[in-house]
């Protein structure tokens, strides 16, 4: 497996380098007058999505060359390296671009947000929920336009705060329960995309043991045997599932959705509403709005966020209003 992953990584990097060599001629052209000097640094995840990364990058390089804006590509090997590189580039005042899915965005944001830097996104992953939420087009040309010509807007990010003081930022939804198990089972990716997430959930549900959670928030204390608990900065996760449909990343609030464990028949009856985002008013579904919430439960249970593993409970989930600057086409 390691040899195969290494080989695929080399192929991916070769594709990107070929694209950059083809584009380099354009960098010799005199930049258009009046263009402000700015530097764009791309941090790709070679394992993300169905392999669209090199095309997204070469499109951005070409578009940047036409405008006299230099685009460089770095190649971090791990999420920790991605965060460290993002923080270093953001500290220089560069626009740092995440090329991949929501997990890649999380790694880049973890470096960019603390420095007050600017994020760009090339949505080359499978889910791309955060990119959609902030107004990034799905096409390579559209995403490049957002980075080069888009407006900077401030959006919220969420945070997981562990008992030992460690912090993990997230952009989409943090979860605890069966959806965390589904995220773990589908983490390697599948060409079925959203359908894979749904089928995996149906497969895991019959043997899932509900998790007893205590949520301590601004409303007081709420206890439940939960199928899942979701803490949304945006409405969707898993490639478009609207688990926290009223969540918005510009309102300075978390939207909390808790689905109580009520047995297989009732859960199946609720499933169509969960898929459509019309579940909030149904029996067994509890919704809260807050700035912070403490999640207490069995130490064997862990949070997941942006499809990536988080901290074991107890954890405090919080919102950081306007903590991230991102370039998008919203408002243009």
C-alpha atoms as a PDB file:
ATOM      1  CA  UNK A   1       0.000   0.000   0.000  1.00  0.00           C
ATOM      2  CA  UNK A   2       2.772   2.438   0.906  1.00  0.00           C
ATOM      3  CA  UNK A   3       4.535   1.764  -2.416  1.00  0.00           C
ATOM      4  CA  UNK A   4       1.301   2.332  -4.333  1.00  0.00           C
ATOM      5  CA  UNK A   5       0.582   5.587  -2.482  1.00  0.00           C
ATOM      6  CA  UNK A   6       4.160   6.758  -3.139  1.00  0.00           C
ATOM      7  CA  UNK A   7       3.834   5.928  -6.853  1.00  0.00           C
ATOM      8  CA  UNK A   8       0.503   7.772  -7.147  1.00  0.00           C
ATOM      9  CA  UNK A   9       2.006  10.772  -5.379  1.00  0.00           C
ATOM     10  CA  UNK A  10       4.892  10.847  -7.874  1.00  0.00           C
ATOM     11  CA  UNK A  11       2.478  10.622 -10.795  1.00  0.00           C
ATOM     12  CA  UNK A  12       0.369  13.452  -9.361  1.00  0.00           C
ATOM     13  CA  UNK A  13       3.431  15.657  -8.842  1.00  0.00           C
ATOM     14  CA  UNK A  14       4.709  14.886 -12.356  1.00  0.00           C
ATOM     15  CA  UNK A  15       1.353  15.970 -13.817  1.00  0.00           C
ATOM     16  CA  UNK A  16       1.476  19.229 -11.874  1.00  0.00           C
ATOM     17  CA  UNK A  17       5.086  19.912 -12.914  1.00  0.00           C
ATOM     18  CA  UNK A  18       4.282  19.262 -16.569  1.00  0.00           C
ATOM     19  CA  UNK A  19       1.379  21.696 -16.324  1.00  0.00           C
ATOM     20  CA  UNK A  20       3.656  24.298 -14.743  1.00  0.00           C
ATOM     21  CA  UNK A  21       6.325  23.886 -17.450  1.00  0.00           C
ATOM     22  CA  UNK A  22       3.700  24.359 -20.132  1.00  0.00           C
ATOM     23  CA  UNK A  23       2.476  27.473 -18.329  1.00  0.00           C
ATOM     24  CA  UNK A  24       5.916  28.949 -17.595  1.00  0.00           C
ATOM     25  CA  UNK A  25       6.164  30.609 -21.023  1.00  0.00           C
ATOM     26  CA  UNK A  26       3.277  32.833 -20.035  1.00  0.00           C
ATOM     27  CA  UNK A  27       5.216  34.135 -17.025  1.00  0.00           C
ATOM     28  CA  UNK A  28       7.758  35.719 -19.410  1.00  0.00           C
ATOM     29  CA  UNK A  29       5.104  38.042 -20.764  1.00  0.00           C
ATOM     30  CA  UNK A  30       5.075  41.585 -19.463  1.00  0.00           C
ATOM     31  CA  UNK A  31       2.378  41.876 -16.770  1.00  0.00           C
ATOM     32  CA  UNK A  32      -0.564  44.167 -17.499  1.00  0.00           C
ATOM     33  CA  UNK A  33      -0.192  47.704 -16.236  1.00  0.00           C
ATOM     34  CA  UNK A  34      -1.776  48.623 -12.964  1.00  0.00           C
ATOM     35  CA  UNK A  35      -1.677  45.123 -11.516  1.00  0.00           C
ATOM     36  CA  UNK A  36      -0.904  45.158  -7.784  1.00  0.00           C
ATOM     37  CA  UNK A  37       1.878  42.875  -6.633  1.00  0.00           C
ATOM     38  CA  UNK A  38       0.647  39.801  -4.797  1.00  0.00           C
ATOM     39  CA  UNK A  39       1.889  36.260  -4.414  1.00  0.00           C
ATOM     40  CA  UNK A  40      -0.263  33.148  -4.457  1.00  0.00           C
ATOM     41  CA  UNK A  41       0.981  29.891  -2.938  1.00  0.00           C
ATOM     42  CA  UNK A  42      -0.870  26.618  -3.619  1.00  0.00           C
ATOM     43  CA  UNK A  43      -0.767  23.732  -1.145  1.00  0.00           C
ATOM     44  CA  UNK A  44      -2.256  20.620  -2.811  1.00  0.00           C
ATOM     45  CA  UNK A  45      -3.365  17.325  -1.333  1.00  0.00           C
ATOM     46  CA  UNK A  46      -2.243  14.730  -3.869  1.00  0.00           C
ATOM     47  CA  UNK A  47      -4.648  12.141  -2.415  1.00  0.00           C
ATOM     48  CA  UNK A  48      -7.785  14.313  -2.484  1.00  0.00           C
ATOM     49  CA  UNK A  49     -10.696  13.778  -4.842  1.00  0.00           C
ATOM     50  CA  UNK A  50     -10.793  12.138  -8.261  1.00  0.00           C
ATOM     51  CA  UNK A  51      -7.470  13.550  -9.505  1.00  0.00           C
ATOM     52  CA  UNK A  52      -8.557  17.012 -10.705  1.00  0.00           C
ATOM     53  CA  UNK A  53      -5.872  18.846  -8.725  1.00  0.00           C
ATOM     54  CA  UNK A  54      -3.272  19.321 -11.510  1.00  0.00           C
ATOM     55  CA  UNK A  55      -5.903  20.739 -13.874  1.00  0.00           C
ATOM     56  CA  UNK A  56      -7.119  23.204 -11.248  1.00  0.00           C
ATOM     57  CA  UNK A  57      -3.541  24.278 -10.535  1.00  0.00           C
ATOM     58  CA  UNK A  58      -2.500  24.722 -14.176  1.00  0.00           C
ATOM     59  CA  UNK A  59      -5.649  26.777 -14.818  1.00  0.00           C
ATOM     60  CA  UNK A  60      -4.755  29.063 -11.910  1.00  0.00           C
ATOM     61  CA  UNK A  61      -1.139  29.379 -13.068  1.00  0.00           C
ATOM     62  CA  UNK A  62      -2.231  30.358 -16.594  1.00  0.00           C
ATOM     63  CA  UNK A  63      -4.816  32.837 -15.350  1.00  0.00           C
ATOM     64  CA  UNK A  64      -2.292  34.339 -12.932  1.00  0.00           C
ATOM     65  CA  UNK A  65       0.316  34.692 -15.690  1.00  0.00           C
ATOM     66  CA  UNK A  66      -2.125  36.656 -17.838  1.00  0.00           C
ATOM     67  CA  UNK A  67      -2.544  39.094 -14.963  1.00  0.00           C
ATOM     68  CA  UNK A  68       1.086  39.209 -13.941  1.00  0.00           C
ATOM     69  CA  UNK A  69       0.416  37.461 -10.649  1.00  0.00           C
ATOM     70  CA  UNK A  70       2.966  34.787  -9.680  1.00  0.00           C
ATOM     71  CA  UNK A  71       1.634  31.421  -8.544  1.00  0.00           C
ATOM     72  CA  UNK A  72       3.905  28.932  -6.801  1.00  0.00           C
ATOM     73  CA  UNK A  73       3.143  25.354  -5.731  1.00  0.00           C
ATOM     74  CA  UNK A  74       4.499  23.637  -2.635  1.00  0.00           C
ATOM     75  CA  UNK A  75       4.137  19.931  -1.890  1.00  0.00           C
ATOM     76  CA  UNK A  76       3.510  19.149   1.789  1.00  0.00           C
ATOM     77  CA  UNK A  77       3.409  15.445   2.620  1.00  0.00           C
ATOM     78  CA  UNK A  78       1.207  15.523   5.730  1.00  0.00           C
ATOM     79  CA  UNK A  79      -1.571  17.618   7.232  1.00  0.00           C
ATOM     80  CA  UNK A  80       0.891  18.944   9.830  1.00  0.00           C
ATOM     81  CA  UNK A  81       3.283  20.048   7.079  1.00  0.00           C
ATOM     82  CA  UNK A  82       0.388  21.693   5.257  1.00  0.00           C
ATOM     83  CA  UNK A  83      -0.552  23.700   8.335  1.00  0.00           C
ATOM     84  CA  UNK A  84       3.065  24.730   8.990  1.00  0.00           C
ATOM     85  CA  UNK A  85       3.617  25.840   5.379  1.00  0.00           C
ATOM     86  CA  UNK A  86       0.295  27.689   5.342  1.00  0.00           C
ATOM     87  CA  UNK A  87       1.195  29.575   8.499  1.00  0.00           C
ATOM     88  CA  UNK A  88       4.633  30.515   7.176  1.00  0.00           C
ATOM     89  CA  UNK A  89       3.251  31.791   3.853  1.00  0.00           C
ATOM     90  CA  UNK A  90       0.385  33.657   5.503  1.00  0.00           C
ATOM     91  CA  UNK A  91       2.882  35.383   7.796  1.00  0.00           C
ATOM     92  CA  UNK A  92       4.596  36.731   4.647  1.00  0.00           C
ATOM     93  CA  UNK A  93       1.290  38.216   3.482  1.00  0.00           C
ATOM     94  CA  UNK A  94       0.767  35.685   0.698  1.00  0.00           C
ATOM     95  CA  UNK A  95      -2.601  34.325  -0.356  1.00  0.00           C
ATOM     96  CA  UNK A  96      -2.540  30.630   0.545  1.00  0.00           C
ATOM     97  CA  UNK A  97      -4.634  28.310  -1.630  1.00  0.00           C
ATOM     98  CA  UNK A  98      -5.928  24.929  -0.470  1.00  0.00           C
ATOM     99  CA  UNK A  99      -6.204  22.499  -3.392  1.00  0.00           C
ATOM    100  CA  UNK A 100      -8.303  19.539  -2.292  1.00  0.00           C
ATOM    101  CA  UNK A 101     -11.402  18.835  -0.226  1.00  0.00           C
ATOM    102  CA  UNK A 102     -12.647  19.936   3.180  1.00  0.00           C
ATOM    103  CA  UNK A 103      -9.891  18.102   5.058  1.00  0.00           C
ATOM    104  CA  UNK A 104      -7.249  19.967   3.049  1.00  0.00           C
ATOM    105  CA  UNK A 105      -9.056  23.244   3.668  1.00  0.00           C
ATOM    106  CA  UNK A 106      -9.032  22.504   7.409  1.00  0.00           C
ATOM    107  CA  UNK A 107      -5.250  21.936   7.399  1.00  0.00           C
ATOM    108  CA  UNK A 108      -4.623  25.185   5.505  1.00  0.00           C
ATOM    109  CA  UNK A 109      -7.074  27.224   7.583  1.00  0.00           C
ATOM    110  CA  UNK A 110      -5.348  26.012  10.751  1.00  0.00           C
ATOM    111  CA  UNK A 111      -2.247  27.849   9.551  1.00  0.00           C
ATOM    112  CA  UNK A 112      -3.839  30.825   7.804  1.00  0.00           C
ATOM    113  CA  UNK A 113      -6.480  31.928  10.332  1.00  0.00           C
ATOM    114  CA  UNK A 114      -4.133  32.482  13.312  1.00  0.00           C
ATOM    115  CA  UNK A 115      -1.964  34.760  11.122  1.00  0.00           C
ATOM    116  CA  UNK A 116      -4.935  36.750   9.814  1.00  0.00           C
ATOM    117  CA  UNK A 117      -4.018  35.562   6.316  1.00  0.00           C
ATOM    118  CA  UNK A 118      -6.115  35.156   3.192  1.00  0.00           C
ATOM    119  CA  UNK A 119      -7.430  31.790   1.986  1.00  0.00           C
ATOM    120  CA  UNK A 120      -8.144  30.723  -1.569  1.00  0.00           C
ATOM    121  CA  UNK A 121      -9.716  27.385  -2.502  1.00  0.00           C
ATOM    122  CA  UNK A 122      -9.349  25.111  -5.525  1.00  0.00           C
ATOM    123  CA  UNK A 123     -12.188  22.621  -4.821  1.00  0.00           C
ATOM    124  CA  UNK A 124     -10.537  19.462  -6.130  1.00  0.00           C
ATOM    125  CA  UNK A 125     -11.874  17.123  -3.425  1.00  0.00           C
ATOM    126  CA  UNK A 126     -14.962  14.950  -3.326  1.00  0.00           C
ATOM    127  CA  UNK A 127     -17.075  16.884  -0.824  1.00  0.00           C
ATOM    128  CA  UNK A 128     -16.096  20.563  -1.140  1.00  0.00           C
ATOM    129  CA  UNK A 129     -18.854  21.627   1.255  1.00  0.00           C
ATOM    130  CA  UNK A 130     -17.007  24.675   2.602  1.00  0.00           C
ATOM    131  CA  UNK A 131     -16.091  25.901  -0.881  1.00  0.00           C
ATOM    132  CA  UNK A 132     -19.762  25.835  -1.878  1.00  0.00           C
ATOM    133  CA  UNK A 133     -20.808  27.596   1.318  1.00  0.00           C
ATOM    134  CA  UNK A 134     -18.477  30.552   0.763  1.00  0.00           C
ATOM    135  CA  UNK A 135     -19.211  31.001  -2.937  1.00  0.00           C
ATOM    136  CA  UNK A 136     -16.325  29.244  -4.708  1.00  0.00           C
ATOM    137  CA  UNK A 137     -17.314  28.018  -8.206  1.00  0.00           C
ATOM    138  CA  UNK A 138     -16.928  24.297  -8.867  1.00  0.00           C
ATOM    139  CA  UNK A 139     -15.044  24.739 -12.161  1.00  0.00           C
ATOM    140  CA  UNK A 140     -11.297  25.262 -12.441  1.00  0.00           C
ATOM    141  CA  UNK A 141     -11.741  28.537 -14.324  1.00  0.00           C
ATOM    142  CA  UNK A 142     -14.323  29.819 -11.851  1.00  0.00           C
ATOM    143  CA  UNK A 143     -12.215  28.925  -8.820  1.00  0.00           C
ATOM    144  CA  UNK A 144      -9.187  30.652 -10.376  1.00  0.00           C
ATOM    145  CA  UNK A 145     -11.296  33.754 -10.989  1.00  0.00           C
ATOM    146  CA  UNK A 146     -12.393  33.770  -7.343  1.00  0.00           C
ATOM    147  CA  UNK A 147      -8.763  33.653  -6.181  1.00  0.00           C
ATOM    148  CA  UNK A 148      -7.454  36.273  -8.623  1.00  0.00           C
ATOM    149  CA  UNK A 149     -10.421  38.642  -8.837  1.00  0.00           C
ATOM    150  CA  UNK A 150     -12.668  37.729  -5.941  1.00  0.00           C
ATOM    151  CA  UNK A 151     -13.437  39.864  -2.954  1.00  0.00           C
ATOM    152  CA  UNK A 152     -12.117  39.128   0.508  1.00  0.00           C
ATOM    153  CA  UNK A 153     -14.857  38.353   3.005  1.00  0.00           C
ATOM    154  CA  UNK A 154     -14.684  37.410   6.642  1.00  0.00           C
ATOM    155  CA  UNK A 155     -16.349  34.159   7.649  1.00  0.00           C
ATOM    156  CA  UNK A 156     -16.640  32.175  10.860  1.00  0.00           C
ATOM    157  CA  UNK A 157     -14.706  29.059  11.774  1.00  0.00           C
ATOM    158  CA  UNK A 158     -15.432  26.507  14.471  1.00  0.00           C
ATOM    159  CA  UNK A 159     -13.050  25.129  17.042  1.00  0.00           C
ATOM    160  CA  UNK A 160     -12.714  21.965  19.106  1.00  0.00           C
ATOM    161  CA  UNK A 161     -11.067  22.618  22.458  1.00  0.00           C
ATOM    162  CA  UNK A 162      -9.759  19.550  24.277  1.00  0.00           C
ATOM    163  CA  UNK A 163      -9.506  19.159  28.035  1.00  0.00           C
ATOM    164  CA  UNK A 164      -5.704  19.601  27.837  1.00  0.00           C
ATOM    165  CA  UNK A 165      -6.048  22.936  26.024  1.00  0.00           C
ATOM    166  CA  UNK A 166      -5.302  21.672  22.511  1.00  0.00           C
ATOM    167  CA  UNK A 167      -7.338  23.338  19.751  1.00  0.00           C
ATOM    168  CA  UNK A 168      -8.455  22.070  16.343  1.00  0.00           C
ATOM    169  CA  UNK A 169     -10.178  24.436  13.922  1.00  0.00           C
ATOM    170  CA  UNK A 170     -12.910  23.276  11.554  1.00  0.00           C
ATOM    171  CA  UNK A 171     -14.833  24.858   8.707  1.00  0.00           C
ATOM    172  CA  UNK A 172     -17.905  22.698   8.033  1.00  0.00           C
ATOM    173  CA  UNK A 173     -19.456  20.482  10.727  1.00  0.00           C
ATOM    174  CA  UNK A 174     -18.088  18.723  13.809  1.00  0.00           C
ATOM    175  CA  UNK A 175     -19.851  15.506  14.789  1.00  0.00           C
ATOM    176  CA  UNK A 176     -20.068  12.786  17.400  1.00  0.00           C
ATOM    177  CA  UNK A 177     -21.963   9.543  16.871  1.00  0.00           C
ATOM    178  CA  UNK A 178     -22.672   7.333  13.901  1.00  0.00           C
ATOM    179  CA  UNK A 179     -21.637   9.997  11.387  1.00  0.00           C
ATOM    180  CA  UNK A 180     -18.148   9.946  12.915  1.00  0.00           C
ATOM    181  CA  UNK A 181     -18.000   6.198  12.296  1.00  0.00           C
ATOM    182  CA  UNK A 182     -19.228   6.750   8.732  1.00  0.00           C
ATOM    183  CA  UNK A 183     -16.563   9.428   8.190  1.00  0.00           C
ATOM    184  CA  UNK A 184     -13.886   7.022   9.410  1.00  0.00           C
ATOM    185  CA  UNK A 185     -15.158   4.192   7.197  1.00  0.00           C
ATOM    186  CA  UNK A 186     -15.304   6.383   4.072  1.00  0.00           C
ATOM    187  CA  UNK A 187     -12.167   8.411   4.732  1.00  0.00           C
ATOM    188  CA  UNK A 188     -10.207   6.665   1.989  1.00  0.00           C
ATOM    189  CA  UNK A 189     -12.650   8.062  -0.553  1.00  0.00           C
ATOM    190  CA  UNK A 190     -14.937   6.458  -3.092  1.00  0.00           C
ATOM    191  CA  UNK A 191     -16.036   7.287  -6.601  1.00  0.00           C
ATOM    192  CA  UNK A 192     -19.617   6.926  -5.364  1.00  0.00           C
ATOM    193  CA  UNK A 193     -19.175  10.154  -3.392  1.00  0.00           C
ATOM    194  CA  UNK A 194     -22.289  11.125  -1.417  1.00  0.00           C
ATOM    195  CA  UNK A 195     -23.948   7.769  -2.171  1.00  0.00           C
ATOM    196  CA  UNK A 196     -21.025   5.976  -0.530  1.00  0.00           C
ATOM    197  CA  UNK A 197     -21.587   8.010   2.662  1.00  0.00           C
ATOM    198  CA  UNK A 198     -25.272   7.048   2.697  1.00  0.00           C
ATOM    199  CA  UNK A 199     -24.706   3.344   1.986  1.00  0.00           C
ATOM    200  CA  UNK A 200     -22.010   3.134   4.663  1.00  0.00           C
ATOM    201  CA  UNK A 201     -24.365   4.699   7.208  1.00  0.00           C
ATOM    202  CA  UNK A 202     -27.072   2.162   6.409  1.00  0.00           C
ATOM    203  CA  UNK A 203     -24.553  -0.666   6.744  1.00  0.00           C
ATOM    204  CA  UNK A 204     -23.239   0.527  10.125  1.00  0.00           C
ATOM    205  CA  UNK A 205     -26.566   1.492  11.700  1.00  0.00           C
ATOM    206  CA  UNK A 206     -27.871  -1.978  12.776  1.00  0.00           C
ATOM    207  CA  UNK A 207     -24.856  -2.585  15.038  1.00  0.00           C
ATOM    208  CA  UNK A 208     -24.323   1.011  16.171  1.00  0.00           C
ATOM    209  CA  UNK A 209     -24.552   1.505  19.947  1.00  0.00           C
ATOM    210  CA  UNK A 210     -26.140   4.901  20.786  1.00  0.00           C
ATOM    211  CA  UNK A 211     -23.847   7.284  22.610  1.00  0.00           C
ATOM    212  CA  UNK A 212     -25.014   8.894  25.858  1.00  0.00           C
ATOM    213  CA  UNK A 213     -24.137  12.586  25.591  1.00  0.00           C
ATOM    214  CA  UNK A 214     -24.507  15.521  27.901  1.00  0.00           C
ATOM    215  CA  UNK A 215     -24.497  18.923  26.176  1.00  0.00           C
ATOM    216  CA  UNK A 216     -23.877  21.943  28.371  1.00  0.00           C
ATOM    217  CA  UNK A 217     -24.622  25.202  26.591  1.00  0.00           C
ATOM    218  CA  UNK A 218     -26.243  28.592  26.949  1.00  0.00           C
ATOM    219  CA  UNK A 219     -29.631  26.862  27.220  1.00  0.00           C
ATOM    220  CA  UNK A 220     -28.536  24.756  30.212  1.00  0.00           C
ATOM    221  CA  UNK A 221     -27.854  21.005  30.185  1.00  0.00           C
ATOM    222  CA  UNK A 222     -29.347  18.503  27.747  1.00  0.00           C
ATOM    223  CA  UNK A 223     -28.865  14.728  28.029  1.00  0.00           C
ATOM    224  CA  UNK A 224     -29.679  12.225  25.317  1.00  0.00           C
ATOM    225  CA  UNK A 225     -28.899   8.772  23.971  1.00  0.00           C
ATOM    226  CA  UNK A 226     -27.866  10.015  20.553  1.00  0.00           C
ATOM    227  CA  UNK A 227     -27.622   8.551  17.101  1.00  0.00           C
ATOM    228  CA  UNK A 228     -25.591  11.623  16.231  1.00  0.00           C
ATOM    229  CA  UNK A 229     -24.825  15.149  17.374  1.00  0.00           C
ATOM    230  CA  UNK A 230     -23.712  17.694  14.780  1.00  0.00           C
ATOM    231  CA  UNK A 231     -22.251  21.143  15.409  1.00  0.00           C
ATOM    232  CA  UNK A 232     -22.496  23.192  12.245  1.00  0.00           C
ATOM    233  CA  UNK A 233     -20.600  26.229  11.028  1.00  0.00           C
ATOM    234  CA  UNK A 234     -22.273  25.646   7.656  1.00  0.00           C
ATOM    235  CA  UNK A 235     -25.347  23.674   6.604  1.00  0.00           C
ATOM    236  CA  UNK A 236     -23.814  20.599   4.960  1.00  0.00           C
ATOM    237  CA  UNK A 237     -21.195  17.888   5.307  1.00  0.00           C
ATOM    238  CA  UNK A 238     -20.276  14.669   3.511  1.00  0.00           C
ATOM    239  CA  UNK A 239     -20.673  16.189   0.050  1.00  0.00           C
ATOM    240  CA  UNK A 240     -23.992  17.971   0.496  1.00  0.00           C
ATOM    241  CA  UNK A 241     -25.932  16.388   3.375  1.00  0.00           C
ATOM    242  CA  UNK A 242     -27.821  19.273   5.091  1.00  0.00           C
ATOM    243  CA  UNK A 243     -27.451  18.037   8.668  1.00  0.00           C
ATOM    244  CA  UNK A 244     -27.536  21.578  10.169  1.00  0.00           C
ATOM    245  CA  UNK A 245     -29.634  23.269   7.472  1.00  0.00           C
ATOM    246  CA  UNK A 246     -29.968  26.673   9.160  1.00  0.00           C
ATOM    247  CA  UNK A 247     -26.235  27.081   9.882  1.00  0.00           C
ATOM    248  CA  UNK A 248     -24.459  29.970   8.153  1.00  0.00           C
ATOM    249  CA  UNK A 249     -20.751  30.804   8.398  1.00  0.00           C
ATOM    250  CA  UNK A 250     -21.424  34.545   8.679  1.00  0.00           C
ATOM    251  CA  UNK A 251     -23.824  34.688  11.655  1.00  0.00           C
ATOM    252  CA  UNK A 252     -21.370  34.163  14.513  1.00  0.00           C
ATOM    253  CA  UNK A 253     -23.316  31.166  15.857  1.00  0.00           C
ATOM    254  CA  UNK A 254     -23.131  27.377  15.981  1.00  0.00           C
ATOM    255  CA  UNK A 255     -26.165  25.362  14.939  1.00  0.00           C
ATOM    256  CA  UNK A 256     -26.434  22.135  16.965  1.00  0.00           C
ATOM    257  CA  UNK A 257     -28.557  19.246  15.681  1.00  0.00           C
ATOM    258  CA  UNK A 258     -29.029  16.168  17.863  1.00  0.00           C
ATOM    259  CA  UNK A 259     -30.812  13.092  16.516  1.00  0.00           C
ATOM    260  CA  UNK A 260     -31.947  10.835  19.353  1.00  0.00           C
ATOM    261  CA  UNK A 261     -31.651   7.060  18.992  1.00  0.00           C
ATOM    262  CA  UNK A 262     -35.215   5.837  18.441  1.00  0.00           C
ATOM    263  CA  UNK A 263     -34.777   2.496  16.723  1.00  0.00           C
ATOM    264  CA  UNK A 264     -34.378   1.294  13.156  1.00  0.00           C
ATOM    265  CA  UNK A 265     -37.958   1.861  11.845  1.00  0.00           C
ATOM    266  CA  UNK A 266     -38.210   5.450  13.095  1.00  0.00           C
ATOM    267  CA  UNK A 267     -34.738   6.297  11.838  1.00  0.00           C
ATOM    268  CA  UNK A 268     -35.558   4.937   8.383  1.00  0.00           C
ATOM    269  CA  UNK A 269     -38.726   7.049   8.365  1.00  0.00           C
ATOM    270  CA  UNK A 270     -36.647  10.114   9.251  1.00  0.00           C
ATOM    271  CA  UNK A 271     -33.979   9.452   6.620  1.00  0.00           C
ATOM    272  CA  UNK A 272     -35.694  11.229   3.665  1.00  0.00           C
ATOM    273  CA  UNK A 273     -36.043  14.380   5.777  1.00  0.00           C
ATOM    274  CA  UNK A 274     -32.390  14.161   6.845  1.00  0.00           C
ATOM    275  CA  UNK A 275     -31.393  14.002   3.185  1.00  0.00           C
ATOM    276  CA  UNK A 276     -33.533  17.033   2.317  1.00  0.00           C
ATOM    277  CA  UNK A 277     -32.752  19.129   5.385  1.00  0.00           C
ATOM    278  CA  UNK A 278     -36.360  19.199   6.637  1.00  0.00           C
ATOM    279  CA  UNK A 279     -35.735  17.204   9.819  1.00  0.00           C
ATOM    280  CA  UNK A 280     -35.299  19.948  12.425  1.00  0.00           C
ATOM    281  CA  UNK A 281     -38.943  19.979  13.538  1.00  0.00           C
ATOM    282  CA  UNK A 282     -39.435  16.206  13.601  1.00  0.00           C
ATOM    283  CA  UNK A 283     -39.841  14.122  16.792  1.00  0.00           C
ATOM    284  CA  UNK A 284     -36.528  12.985  18.203  1.00  0.00           C
ATOM    285  CA  UNK A 285     -34.596  15.831  16.575  1.00  0.00           C
ATOM    286  CA  UNK A 286     -33.355  18.639  18.822  1.00  0.00           C
ATOM    287  CA  UNK A 287     -31.873  21.902  17.524  1.00  0.00           C
ATOM    288  CA  UNK A 288     -29.994  24.585  19.454  1.00  0.00           C
ATOM    289  CA  UNK A 289     -28.161  27.798  18.577  1.00  0.00           C
ATOM    290  CA  UNK A 290     -25.188  28.861  20.671  1.00  0.00           C
ATOM    291  CA  UNK A 291     -21.668  30.269  20.791  1.00  0.00           C
ATOM    292  CA  UNK A 292     -20.123  27.473  22.872  1.00  0.00           C
ATOM    293  CA  UNK A 293     -21.188  24.020  24.009  1.00  0.00           C
ATOM    294  CA  UNK A 294     -19.416  21.444  26.160  1.00  0.00           C
ATOM    295  CA  UNK A 295     -19.826  17.867  24.955  1.00  0.00           C
ATOM    296  CA  UNK A 296     -19.475  15.209  27.659  1.00  0.00           C
ATOM    297  CA  UNK A 297     -19.707  11.483  27.007  1.00  0.00           C
ATOM    298  CA  UNK A 298     -17.782   8.199  27.068  1.00  0.00           C
ATOM    299  CA  UNK A 299     -14.026   8.665  26.709  1.00  0.00           C
ATOM    300  CA  UNK A 300     -14.077   6.038  23.953  1.00  0.00           C
ATOM    301  CA  UNK A 301     -16.033   8.425  21.727  1.00  0.00           C
ATOM    302  CA  UNK A 302     -14.216  10.971  19.595  1.00  0.00           C
ATOM    303  CA  UNK A 303     -15.322  14.011  17.655  1.00  0.00           C
ATOM    304  CA  UNK A 304     -14.843  14.289  13.906  1.00  0.00           C
ATOM    305  CA  UNK A 305     -14.644  17.556  11.986  1.00  0.00           C
ATOM    306  CA  UNK A 306     -14.426  18.258   8.240  1.00  0.00           C
ATOM    307  CA  UNK A 307     -14.240  14.499   7.736  1.00  0.00           C
ATOM    308  CA  UNK A 308     -11.058  14.339   9.841  1.00  0.00           C
ATOM    309  CA  UNK A 309     -10.538  12.806  13.303  1.00  0.00           C
ATOM    310  CA  UNK A 310     -10.780  15.203  16.228  1.00  0.00           C
ATOM    311  CA  UNK A 311     -10.396  14.947  20.005  1.00  0.00           C
ATOM    312  CA  UNK A 312     -12.061  12.414  22.308  1.00  0.00           C
ATOM    313  CA  UNK A 313     -14.810  13.799  24.520  1.00  0.00           C
ATOM    314  CA  UNK A 314     -15.098  15.790  26.705  1.00  0.00           C
ATOM    315  CA  UNK A 315     -14.653  18.607  24.186  1.00  0.00           C
ATOM    316  CA  UNK A 316     -15.825  22.197  24.013  1.00  0.00           C
ATOM    317  CA  UNK A 317     -17.128  23.213  20.592  1.00  0.00           C
ATOM    318  CA  UNK A 318     -17.070  26.954  19.912  1.00  0.00           C
ATOM    319  CA  UNK A 319     -17.507  29.452  17.091  1.00  0.00           C
ATOM    320  CA  UNK A 320     -14.931  32.097  16.144  1.00  0.00           C
ATOM    321  CA  UNK A 321     -16.842  34.872  14.379  1.00  0.00           C
ATOM    322  CA  UNK A 322     -15.108  36.398  11.363  1.00  0.00           C
ATOM    323  CA  UNK A 323     -11.849  34.596  12.121  1.00  0.00           C
ATOM    324  CA  UNK A 324     -11.053  33.739   8.476  1.00  0.00           C
ATOM    325  CA  UNK A 325     -10.522  35.884   5.389  1.00  0.00           C
ATOM    326  CA  UNK A 326     -11.403  34.069   2.175  1.00  0.00           C
ATOM    327  CA  UNK A 327     -11.529  35.113  -1.474  1.00  0.00           C
ATOM    328  CA  UNK A 328     -14.792  34.321  -3.239  1.00  0.00           C
ATOM    329  CA  UNK A 329     -17.194  35.641  -5.868  1.00  0.00           C
ATOM    330  CA  UNK A 330     -20.027  36.223  -3.407  1.00  0.00           C
ATOM    331  CA  UNK A 331     -21.327  39.753  -3.772  1.00  0.00           C
ATOM    332  CA  UNK A 332     -19.852  40.306  -7.247  1.00  0.00           C
END
